[in-house]
Protein backbone atom coordinates (compact mmCIF):
# COMPACT_ATOMS: atom_id res chain seq x y z
CA MET A 1 8.64 -23.70 71.99
CA GLN A 2 6.45 -25.96 74.07
CA LYS A 3 3.15 -24.17 74.66
CA VAL A 4 1.19 -21.24 73.25
CA ALA A 5 -2.03 -20.08 74.91
CA ILE A 6 -4.51 -18.08 72.85
CA ILE A 7 -7.07 -16.12 74.85
CA GLY A 8 -10.11 -15.67 72.68
CA ALA A 9 -11.39 -18.50 70.46
CA GLY A 10 -12.92 -16.22 67.85
CA ARG A 11 -11.88 -16.13 64.23
CA VAL A 12 -8.44 -14.57 64.76
CA GLY A 13 -7.67 -16.97 67.60
CA GLU A 14 -8.87 -19.93 65.56
CA THR A 15 -6.82 -18.95 62.49
CA THR A 16 -3.72 -18.41 64.61
CA ALA A 17 -4.12 -21.82 66.25
CA GLN A 18 -4.66 -23.51 62.88
CA ILE A 19 -1.46 -22.06 61.42
CA LEU A 20 0.57 -22.85 64.54
CA ALA A 21 -0.64 -26.44 64.38
CA ILE A 22 -0.11 -26.92 60.63
CA GLN A 23 3.42 -25.52 60.80
CA GLU A 24 4.20 -27.28 64.11
CA ILE A 25 5.59 -24.04 65.51
CA CYS A 26 4.99 -25.31 69.05
CA ARG A 27 4.17 -28.59 70.76
CA GLU A 28 0.87 -27.49 72.32
CA VAL A 29 -1.77 -24.85 71.63
CA VAL A 30 -4.56 -24.15 74.11
CA LEU A 31 -7.52 -21.92 73.24
CA ILE A 32 -9.18 -20.20 76.21
CA ASP A 33 -12.56 -18.48 76.02
CA ILE A 34 -15.33 -17.60 78.48
CA ARG A 35 -18.01 -18.97 76.12
CA GLU A 36 -18.94 -22.44 77.34
CA ASP A 37 -17.82 -25.28 75.04
CA VAL A 38 -16.70 -22.91 72.26
CA PRO A 39 -12.92 -23.24 72.67
CA GLN A 40 -13.25 -26.99 73.09
CA GLY A 41 -15.17 -27.22 69.82
CA VAL A 42 -12.75 -24.99 67.92
CA ALA A 43 -9.76 -26.94 69.23
CA LEU A 44 -11.30 -30.32 68.37
CA ASP A 45 -12.07 -29.16 64.84
CA ILE A 46 -8.49 -27.96 64.32
CA PHE A 47 -6.96 -31.09 65.84
CA GLN A 48 -8.98 -33.27 63.52
CA THR A 49 -7.16 -31.69 60.56
CA ALA A 50 -3.84 -33.03 61.86
CA PRO A 51 -3.91 -36.26 59.77
CA PHE A 52 -4.04 -34.17 56.58
CA PHE A 53 -1.02 -32.07 57.51
CA GLY A 54 0.97 -34.63 59.48
CA SER A 55 1.00 -32.34 62.49
CA ASP A 56 1.74 -33.56 66.02
CA THR A 57 0.90 -30.25 67.69
CA ARG A 58 -1.73 -30.85 70.36
CA VAL A 59 -4.66 -28.41 70.28
CA THR A 60 -7.04 -28.19 73.23
CA GLY A 61 -9.69 -25.78 74.49
CA SER A 62 -10.73 -24.60 77.94
CA ASN A 63 -12.96 -22.16 79.77
CA ASP A 64 -10.54 -22.06 82.69
CA PRO A 65 -7.81 -19.37 82.59
CA ALA A 66 -5.61 -21.72 84.61
CA ALA A 67 -5.13 -23.66 81.36
CA MET A 68 -2.54 -21.07 80.35
CA GLN A 69 -0.14 -22.35 83.01
CA GLY A 70 3.27 -23.18 81.56
CA ALA A 71 2.69 -21.22 78.36
CA ASP A 72 5.77 -19.69 76.76
CA ILE A 73 3.66 -17.20 74.79
CA ILE A 74 0.20 -15.77 75.51
CA VAL A 75 -1.72 -14.35 72.53
CA VAL A 76 -4.63 -12.08 73.46
CA THR A 77 -7.36 -11.80 70.83
CA ALA A 78 -10.35 -11.52 73.20
CA GLY A 79 -12.55 -8.46 73.08
CA VAL A 80 -15.28 -6.78 71.08
CA PRO A 81 -14.46 -6.35 67.38
CA ARG A 82 -15.28 -3.08 65.67
CA LYS A 83 -18.27 -2.82 63.36
CA PRO A 84 -18.49 -1.02 60.01
CA GLY A 85 -18.02 2.71 60.51
CA MET A 86 -16.22 2.30 63.84
CA SER A 87 -12.59 3.17 64.45
CA ARG A 88 -10.28 0.98 66.52
CA SER A 89 -10.40 3.63 69.26
CA ASP A 90 -14.19 3.31 69.47
CA VAL A 91 -13.86 -0.10 71.14
CA LEU A 92 -11.26 1.03 73.71
CA GLN A 93 -13.47 1.42 76.75
CA THR A 94 -15.29 -1.87 76.20
CA ASN A 95 -12.12 -3.85 75.61
CA LEU A 96 -10.21 -2.20 78.43
CA ASP A 97 -12.25 -4.00 81.09
CA VAL A 98 -11.75 -7.30 79.25
CA ILE A 99 -8.00 -6.85 79.01
CA ASP A 100 -7.56 -5.77 82.62
CA GLY A 101 -9.14 -9.03 83.76
CA ILE A 102 -7.07 -11.09 81.35
CA VAL A 103 -3.84 -9.46 82.50
CA ALA A 104 -4.64 -10.41 86.10
CA ASP A 105 -4.99 -14.04 84.98
CA ILE A 106 -1.74 -13.89 82.99
CA VAL A 107 0.20 -12.57 85.96
CA LYS A 108 -1.30 -15.28 88.16
CA TYR A 109 -0.94 -18.30 85.88
CA ALA A 110 1.81 -17.47 83.36
CA PRO A 111 4.17 -14.98 85.01
CA ALA A 112 7.13 -15.96 82.81
CA ALA A 113 5.33 -15.74 79.45
CA ILE A 114 5.78 -13.39 76.51
CA VAL A 115 2.53 -11.57 75.64
CA ILE A 116 1.44 -10.72 72.09
CA MET A 117 -1.52 -8.36 71.98
CA VAL A 118 -3.99 -8.46 69.08
CA THR A 119 -7.13 -6.89 70.59
CA ASN A 120 -7.83 -3.35 69.35
CA PRO A 121 -6.84 -0.63 69.82
CA VAL A 122 -3.70 -2.73 69.89
CA ASP A 123 -1.17 0.06 70.53
CA VAL A 124 -3.03 1.35 73.57
CA LEU A 125 -3.80 -2.10 74.95
CA THR A 126 -0.21 -3.27 74.46
CA TYR A 127 0.77 -0.29 76.59
CA ARG A 128 -1.88 -1.30 79.14
CA VAL A 129 -0.49 -4.82 79.46
CA TRP A 130 3.02 -3.42 79.99
CA GLN A 131 1.66 -0.90 82.49
CA LEU A 132 -0.28 -3.48 84.52
CA THR A 133 2.34 -6.23 84.54
CA GLY A 134 5.37 -4.05 85.18
CA TRP A 135 7.34 -6.44 82.97
CA ARG A 136 10.29 -5.51 80.81
CA ARG A 137 9.32 -4.38 77.35
CA GLU A 138 10.96 -7.44 75.79
CA ARG A 139 8.00 -9.53 76.96
CA VAL A 140 5.11 -7.33 75.80
CA LEU A 141 4.44 -6.89 72.07
CA GLY A 142 1.60 -6.09 69.69
CA GLN A 143 1.10 -7.59 66.25
CA ALA A 144 -0.30 -4.75 64.12
CA GLY A 145 2.84 -3.76 62.20
CA VAL A 146 3.30 -7.20 60.68
CA LEU A 147 -0.30 -7.13 59.48
CA ASP A 148 -0.11 -3.61 58.04
CA ALA A 149 3.14 -4.41 56.23
CA SER A 150 1.64 -7.59 54.77
CA ARG A 151 -1.31 -5.62 53.44
CA MET A 152 0.98 -3.09 51.80
CA ALA A 153 3.09 -5.89 50.30
CA ALA A 154 -0.05 -7.50 48.88
CA PHE A 155 -1.13 -4.22 47.28
CA ILE A 156 2.32 -3.73 45.75
CA ALA A 157 2.27 -7.27 44.35
CA MET A 158 -1.17 -6.63 42.87
CA GLU A 159 0.07 -3.40 41.28
CA THR A 160 3.39 -4.64 39.90
CA GLY A 161 2.80 -8.32 39.25
CA PHE A 162 6.04 -9.20 41.06
CA SER A 163 6.30 -12.23 43.33
CA ILE A 164 5.16 -11.49 46.85
CA ARG A 165 8.30 -13.31 48.03
CA ASP A 166 10.49 -10.47 46.76
CA ILE A 167 8.52 -7.62 48.33
CA THR A 168 9.57 -6.10 51.67
CA THR A 169 7.53 -3.36 53.30
CA PHE A 170 7.54 -1.40 56.56
CA VAL A 171 4.63 0.37 58.23
CA LEU A 172 5.29 2.37 61.40
CA GLY A 173 3.23 4.27 63.94
CA GLY A 174 -0.16 3.53 65.42
CA HIS A 175 -2.44 0.84 64.02
CA GLY A 176 -5.08 3.16 62.62
CA ASP A 177 -5.76 5.89 60.10
CA ALA A 178 -2.57 7.69 61.14
CA MET A 179 -0.25 4.72 60.53
CA VAL A 180 2.93 5.57 58.63
CA PRO A 181 3.71 3.41 55.57
CA VAL A 182 7.35 4.27 54.77
CA SER A 183 7.65 3.62 51.04
CA ARG A 184 11.26 4.77 51.09
CA PHE A 185 12.15 1.53 52.89
CA CYS A 186 9.94 -0.71 50.72
CA THR A 187 11.78 -2.82 48.15
CA VAL A 188 11.34 -5.47 45.48
CA ASN A 189 14.27 -7.86 45.89
CA GLY A 190 16.37 -4.98 47.24
CA ILE A 191 15.33 -2.45 44.58
CA PRO A 192 13.33 0.56 45.88
CA VAL A 193 9.65 0.18 45.04
CA SER A 194 9.71 3.74 43.64
CA GLN A 195 11.52 2.28 40.62
CA PHE A 196 8.34 0.45 39.67
CA ILE A 197 5.43 2.59 40.90
CA GLU A 198 5.09 6.32 40.23
CA PRO A 199 4.71 8.61 43.28
CA GLY A 200 1.02 9.36 42.87
CA ARG A 201 0.05 5.73 42.60
CA LEU A 202 2.34 4.82 45.49
CA GLY A 203 0.54 7.41 47.60
CA GLU A 204 -2.76 5.72 46.78
CA ILE A 205 -1.33 2.37 47.89
CA GLU A 206 -0.17 3.93 51.15
CA GLN A 207 -3.69 5.27 51.76
CA ARG A 208 -5.25 1.92 50.93
CA THR A 209 -2.89 0.33 53.47
CA ARG A 210 -4.14 2.73 56.15
CA GLY A 211 -7.69 1.65 55.41
CA GLY A 212 -6.90 -2.02 54.82
CA GLY A 213 -8.81 -3.32 57.81
CA ALA A 214 -11.80 -1.06 57.21
CA GLU A 215 -11.93 -2.16 53.55
CA ILE A 216 -12.22 -5.82 54.53
CA LEU A 217 -14.74 -5.01 57.26
CA ALA A 218 -16.91 -3.14 54.74
CA LEU A 219 -16.72 -5.99 52.22
CA ARG A 220 -17.36 -8.82 54.69
CA LYS A 221 -20.06 -6.82 56.49
CA ASN A 222 -20.41 -9.37 59.30
CA SER A 223 -16.76 -9.81 60.26
CA SER A 224 -13.47 -7.98 60.44
CA ALA A 225 -10.30 -9.55 58.99
CA TYR A 226 -8.99 -12.73 60.59
CA ASP A 227 -6.89 -14.70 58.08
CA ALA A 228 -4.11 -12.13 57.66
CA PRO A 229 -4.14 -11.15 61.36
CA GLY A 230 -3.82 -14.82 62.36
CA ALA A 231 -0.95 -15.34 59.93
CA SER A 232 0.76 -12.23 61.27
CA VAL A 233 0.63 -13.52 64.84
CA ALA A 234 1.94 -16.92 63.74
CA ALA A 235 4.88 -15.24 61.98
CA MET A 236 5.82 -13.44 65.20
CA ILE A 237 5.57 -16.65 67.23
CA ASP A 238 7.66 -18.51 64.67
CA ALA A 239 10.39 -15.85 64.95
CA ILE A 240 10.41 -16.15 68.74
CA SER A 241 10.07 -19.93 68.86
CA HIS A 242 12.95 -20.57 66.46
CA HIS A 243 15.27 -17.79 67.69
CA ARG A 244 15.28 -16.37 64.15
CA ASN A 245 16.32 -12.77 64.93
CA ARG A 246 13.75 -11.67 62.36
CA LEU A 247 13.25 -7.99 61.64
CA LEU A 248 9.49 -7.40 61.75
CA PRO A 249 7.38 -4.27 62.30
CA CYS A 250 5.63 -4.79 65.65
CA VAL A 251 4.06 -2.71 68.38
CA ALA A 252 6.68 -2.18 71.08
CA ILE A 253 7.22 0.02 74.13
CA LEU A 254 9.59 2.82 73.15
CA GLU A 255 12.46 3.93 75.37
CA GLY A 256 13.70 6.95 73.46
CA GLU A 257 13.61 5.51 69.95
CA TYR A 258 12.10 7.91 67.41
CA GLY A 259 12.21 10.56 70.11
CA GLU A 260 9.39 8.87 72.03
CA THR A 261 9.17 7.23 75.44
CA ASP A 262 6.44 5.75 77.65
CA ILE A 263 4.31 4.78 74.65
CA ALA A 264 3.58 1.70 72.50
CA MET A 265 4.06 2.23 68.75
CA GLY A 266 4.64 0.21 65.61
CA VAL A 267 8.37 0.12 64.85
CA PRO A 268 10.90 -2.28 63.26
CA CYS A 269 11.72 -4.92 65.88
CA VAL A 270 14.18 -7.80 66.06
CA LEU A 271 12.36 -10.84 67.47
CA SER A 272 14.21 -13.73 69.08
CA HIS A 273 13.77 -16.23 71.89
CA GLN A 274 13.43 -13.51 74.54
CA GLY A 275 10.70 -11.73 72.58
CA LEU A 276 11.83 -8.25 71.64
CA GLN A 277 15.59 -8.24 71.21
CA ARG A 278 15.87 -4.62 70.10
CA VAL A 279 14.11 -1.79 68.28
CA ILE A 280 15.66 -0.51 65.06
CA ASP A 281 15.59 3.29 64.95
CA LEU A 282 15.34 4.21 61.27
CA GLY A 283 16.62 7.54 60.06
CA LEU A 284 13.30 9.12 59.13
CA ASN A 285 13.16 12.21 56.98
CA GLU A 286 11.32 15.36 57.98
CA ALA A 287 7.99 14.35 56.45
CA GLU A 288 8.14 10.87 57.99
CA VAL A 289 9.01 12.29 61.41
CA LYS A 290 5.99 14.61 61.19
CA MET A 291 3.66 11.71 60.37
CA PHE A 292 5.14 9.55 63.14
CA LYS A 293 4.66 12.34 65.69
CA GLU A 294 1.05 12.82 64.59
CA SER A 295 0.43 9.10 64.92
CA ALA A 296 2.01 9.08 68.38
CA ALA A 297 -0.21 11.97 69.45
CA GLY A 298 -3.28 9.90 68.59
CA VAL A 299 -2.03 6.94 70.62
CA ARG A 300 -1.21 9.19 73.58
CA ALA A 301 -4.71 10.69 73.45
CA ASP A 302 -6.20 7.21 73.80
CA ILE A 303 -3.75 6.27 76.57
CA ALA A 304 -4.89 9.36 78.47
CA LEU A 305 -8.47 8.03 78.42
CA MET A 306 -7.50 4.95 80.43
CA PRO A 307 -7.94 4.99 84.20
CA ALA A 308 -4.82 4.53 86.28
CA PRO A 309 -4.08 0.93 87.29
CA GLY A 310 -6.13 -0.06 90.32
């Protein structure tokens, strides 16, 4: 992987760039932001940490969207973050205008790139990018599932005391209050998590996962989460950059999987050098199917609010 462009030099963009540089996941990272001098300052600060980590990844900043030329992956974090008490859907209309303009720049300057959406509501805006570009679904992804699964894994580790390295979790559906943590597929070193946590307590962990972002927003008060989101994006880029064929829960365009089509939802995805290699269609039980359908209905309602492409 030669070049990653991150559009939006806010806290999520900065954290993503920092991790990419430390781990040398790509040769070059460019941060792009409309705020004058901000991306240049963020990039310079990150690059000056290179001597401590022995990293040769070049980090630069620009106010010119043309700086994304030649990027293998475009990460979109730009937009208005939600405030305490707001849902992810509440920022849809504001962020829609931002994303439409960014997509036009992507098509112009980086027509061969893979796009990873982070801006909320990520399911709806991932769909919007796919809709506007007309690209194959392999090249348009959203990061929410990796983040939601990491939050659930952290809560399970806190509850059980087991090493986080042994915990595998999956969260499906939309990235919001109707997300679907599927505890049946969560394990500790291959052993079902239900062996260690009783059903009532596991249900509480599932609910805490649904509100994981809101919990951090309420505690921070002046900022939504950015460390875990940045790490989640970096994990996706690492899987693509190194052709790992990693199975990660990501937002993807569905083509009949889970009985859904023409929608972007969080599902288990295999990520490789082409982006999305395939979607894994889990055999959900009746209760899980019901929750997934309810989550999809919420995403479709938001999609319906968007104007048709110009």
